[in-house]
Amino acid sequence: MPSLFDPDPPQFLGKPTDLRSVGFFHGRGENYVGSNASHRGIVGASALPDGSPQRLLFCDPQGNARFDYTAIVRGNEWRLDMPFFIIDAIQAGRIQVRVAP
């Protein structure tokens, strides 16, 4: 899988996701011994049926896909747990989320 900083990434064409429509969440409200209270993730709308895989491309600011994840659609949305440093990069504009074609 290519690195976020790979100078020659593979080319993908994906539908850009309006970052205003990508939500962010913290935790799941279930705190217990050993839980990660700072757990975060992203969520977005999907027209795919429940149980379908939604492939998401994570691109650099120029639109080059650097890595991808697959989320399962539930209730017309996809939700993906993410490490804090990727969420920070999305919020700072260093990574763009695109729905794969």
C-alpha atoms as a PDB file:
ATOM      1  CA  MET A   1       0.000   0.000   0.000  1.00  0.00           C
ATOM      2  CA  PRO A   2       1.439   3.420  -0.893  1.00  0.00           C
ATOM      3  CA  SER A   3       2.572   5.839   1.762  1.00  0.00           C
ATOM      4  CA  LEU A   4       0.875   9.187   2.276  1.00  0.00           C
ATOM      5  CA  PHE A   5       4.182  10.689   1.224  1.00  0.00           C
ATOM      6  CA  ASP A   6       4.849   8.384  -1.754  1.00  0.00           C
ATOM      7  CA  PRO A   7       6.089  10.664  -4.581  1.00  0.00           C
ATOM      8  CA  ASP A   8       4.591   8.413  -7.289  1.00  0.00           C
ATOM      9  CA  PRO A   9       1.163   7.235  -6.076  1.00  0.00           C
ATOM     10  CA  PRO A  10      -1.216   5.060  -8.095  1.00  0.00           C
ATOM     11  CA  GLN A  11      -3.899   7.061  -9.890  1.00  0.00           C
ATOM     12  CA  PHE A  12      -7.541   6.557  -8.892  1.00  0.00           C
ATOM     13  CA  LEU A  13     -10.587   8.458 -10.034  1.00  0.00           C
ATOM     14  CA  GLY A  14     -13.042   8.880  -7.217  1.00  0.00           C
ATOM     15  CA  LYS A  15     -16.035  11.050  -6.550  1.00  0.00           C
ATOM     16  CA  PRO A  16     -14.869  13.833  -4.207  1.00  0.00           C
ATOM     17  CA  THR A  17     -16.632  13.821  -0.862  1.00  0.00           C
ATOM     18  CA  ASP A  18     -17.647  17.234   0.401  1.00  0.00           C
ATOM     19  CA  LEU A  19     -15.768  17.333   3.706  1.00  0.00           C
ATOM     20  CA  ARG A  20     -18.683  19.255   5.204  1.00  0.00           C
ATOM     21  CA  SER A  21     -20.685  16.034   4.769  1.00  0.00           C
ATOM     22  CA  VAL A  22     -18.059  13.877   6.493  1.00  0.00           C
ATOM     23  CA  GLY A  23     -18.833  13.863  10.191  1.00  0.00           C
ATOM     24  CA  PHE A  24     -16.424  13.175  12.994  1.00  0.00           C
ATOM     25  CA  PHE A  25     -17.154  11.341  16.225  1.00  0.00           C
ATOM     26  CA  HIS A  26     -15.425  10.691  19.530  1.00  0.00           C
ATOM     27  CA  GLY A  27     -15.844   7.390  21.340  1.00  0.00           C
ATOM     28  CA  ARG A  28     -19.011   5.385  21.575  1.00  0.00           C
ATOM     29  CA  GLY A  29     -20.139   6.417  25.043  1.00  0.00           C
ATOM     30  CA  GLU A  30     -18.985   3.111  26.497  1.00  0.00           C
ATOM     31  CA  ASN A  31     -16.233   3.770  29.020  1.00  0.00           C
ATOM     32  CA  TYR A  32     -14.800   0.762  30.805  1.00  0.00           C
ATOM     33  CA  VAL A  33     -11.424  -0.399  32.043  1.00  0.00           C
ATOM     34  CA  GLY A  34      -9.204  -0.715  28.990  1.00  0.00           C
ATOM     35  CA  SER A  35     -11.416   1.415  26.732  1.00  0.00           C
ATOM     36  CA  ASN A  36      -9.937   4.124  24.558  1.00  0.00           C
ATOM     37  CA  ALA A  37     -11.908   7.215  25.592  1.00  0.00           C
ATOM     38  CA  SER A  38     -10.240   9.294  22.876  1.00  0.00           C
ATOM     39  CA  HIS A  39     -11.298   6.950  20.067  1.00  0.00           C
ATOM     40  CA  ARG A  40     -12.381   8.861  16.953  1.00  0.00           C
ATOM     41  CA  GLY A  41     -13.733   8.213  13.497  1.00  0.00           C
ATOM     42  CA  ILE A  42     -15.504   9.595  10.442  1.00  0.00           C
ATOM     43  CA  VAL A  43     -19.004   9.081   9.056  1.00  0.00           C
ATOM     44  CA  GLY A  44     -20.739   9.980   5.793  1.00  0.00           C
ATOM     45  CA  ALA A  45     -23.914   9.356   3.796  1.00  0.00           C
ATOM     46  CA  SER A  46     -24.211   6.445   1.368  1.00  0.00           C
ATOM     47  CA  ALA A  47     -26.828   5.391  -1.176  1.00  0.00           C
ATOM     48  CA  LEU A  48     -25.641   1.765  -1.032  1.00  0.00           C
ATOM     49  CA  PRO A  49     -27.828  -0.890   0.630  1.00  0.00           C
ATOM     50  CA  ASP A  50     -27.168  -1.954   4.228  1.00  0.00           C
ATOM     51  CA  GLY A  51     -24.285  -4.397   4.509  1.00  0.00           C
ATOM     52  CA  SER A  52     -22.593  -3.165   1.324  1.00  0.00           C
ATOM     53  CA  PRO A  53     -18.905  -2.267   1.384  1.00  0.00           C
ATOM     54  CA  GLN A  54     -18.205   1.434   0.747  1.00  0.00           C
ATOM     55  CA  ARG A  55     -14.640   1.959  -0.477  1.00  0.00           C
ATOM     56  CA  LEU A  56     -13.110   5.263   0.555  1.00  0.00           C
ATOM     57  CA  LEU A  57      -9.981   6.797  -0.936  1.00  0.00           C
ATOM     58  CA  PHE A  58      -7.758   9.014   1.176  1.00  0.00           C
ATOM     59  CA  CYS A  59      -6.022  11.514  -1.104  1.00  0.00           C
ATOM     60  CA  ASP A  60      -3.372  14.182  -0.813  1.00  0.00           C
ATOM     61  CA  PRO A  61      -4.398  17.834  -1.443  1.00  0.00           C
ATOM     62  CA  GLN A  62      -3.711  17.347  -5.179  1.00  0.00           C
ATOM     63  CA  GLY A  63      -6.249  14.498  -5.343  1.00  0.00           C
ATOM     64  CA  ASN A  64      -3.756  11.612  -5.595  1.00  0.00           C
ATOM     65  CA  ALA A  65      -5.000   8.520  -3.743  1.00  0.00           C
ATOM     66  CA  ARG A  66      -2.505   7.527  -1.041  1.00  0.00           C
ATOM     67  CA  PHE A  67      -4.413   4.750   0.749  1.00  0.00           C
ATOM     68  CA  ASP A  68      -7.921   3.357   1.023  1.00  0.00           C
ATOM     69  CA  TYR A  69     -10.266   1.820   3.556  1.00  0.00           C
ATOM     70  CA  THR A  70     -13.555  -0.024   3.244  1.00  0.00           C
ATOM     71  CA  ALA A  71     -16.485   0.715   5.553  1.00  0.00           C
ATOM     72  CA  ILE A  72     -19.748  -1.240   5.794  1.00  0.00           C
ATOM     73  CA  VAL A  73     -22.941   0.730   5.116  1.00  0.00           C
ATOM     74  CA  ARG A  74     -25.552   0.719   7.891  1.00  0.00           C
ATOM     75  CA  GLY A  75     -28.666   2.904   7.895  1.00  0.00           C
ATOM     76  CA  ASN A  76     -27.659   4.886   4.759  1.00  0.00           C
ATOM     77  CA  GLU A  77     -24.276   5.848   6.160  1.00  0.00           C
ATOM     78  CA  TRP A  78     -20.768   4.516   6.428  1.00  0.00           C
ATOM     79  CA  ARG A  79     -18.735   4.850   9.611  1.00  0.00           C
ATOM     80  CA  LEU A  80     -15.029   4.287   9.940  1.00  0.00           C
ATOM     81  CA  ASP A  81     -12.889   4.243  13.065  1.00  0.00           C
ATOM     82  CA  MET A  82      -9.672   6.131  12.380  1.00  0.00           C
ATOM     83  CA  PRO A  83      -6.430   6.888  14.217  1.00  0.00           C
ATOM     84  CA  PHE A  84      -6.311  10.423  15.591  1.00  0.00           C
ATOM     85  CA  PHE A  85      -3.428  11.463  13.333  1.00  0.00           C
ATOM     86  CA  ILE A  86      -5.432  10.694  10.175  1.00  0.00           C
ATOM     87  CA  ILE A  87      -8.450  12.616  11.498  1.00  0.00           C
ATOM     88  CA  ASP A  88      -6.176  15.528  12.375  1.00  0.00           C
ATOM     89  CA  ALA A  89      -4.803  15.468   8.798  1.00  0.00           C
ATOM     90  CA  ILE A  90      -8.346  15.404   7.334  1.00  0.00           C
ATOM     91  CA  GLN A  91      -9.414  18.342   9.476  1.00  0.00           C
ATOM     92  CA  ALA A  92      -6.258  20.271   8.504  1.00  0.00           C
ATOM     93  CA  GLY A  93      -6.872  19.614   4.784  1.00  0.00           C
ATOM     94  CA  ARG A  94      -3.769  17.453   4.275  1.00  0.00           C
ATOM     95  CA  ILE A  95      -5.962  14.441   3.450  1.00  0.00           C
ATOM     96  CA  GLN A  96      -9.181  14.456   1.408  1.00  0.00           C
ATOM     97  CA  VAL A  97     -11.753  11.655   1.624  1.00  0.00           C
ATOM     98  CA  ARG A  98     -13.280  10.452  -1.666  1.00  0.00           C
ATOM     99  CA  VAL A  99     -15.880   7.782  -2.314  1.00  0.00           C
ATOM    100  CA  ALA A 100     -14.405   5.307  -4.805  1.00  0.00           C
ATOM    101  CA  PRO A 101     -16.301   4.807  -8.078  1.00  0.00           C
END
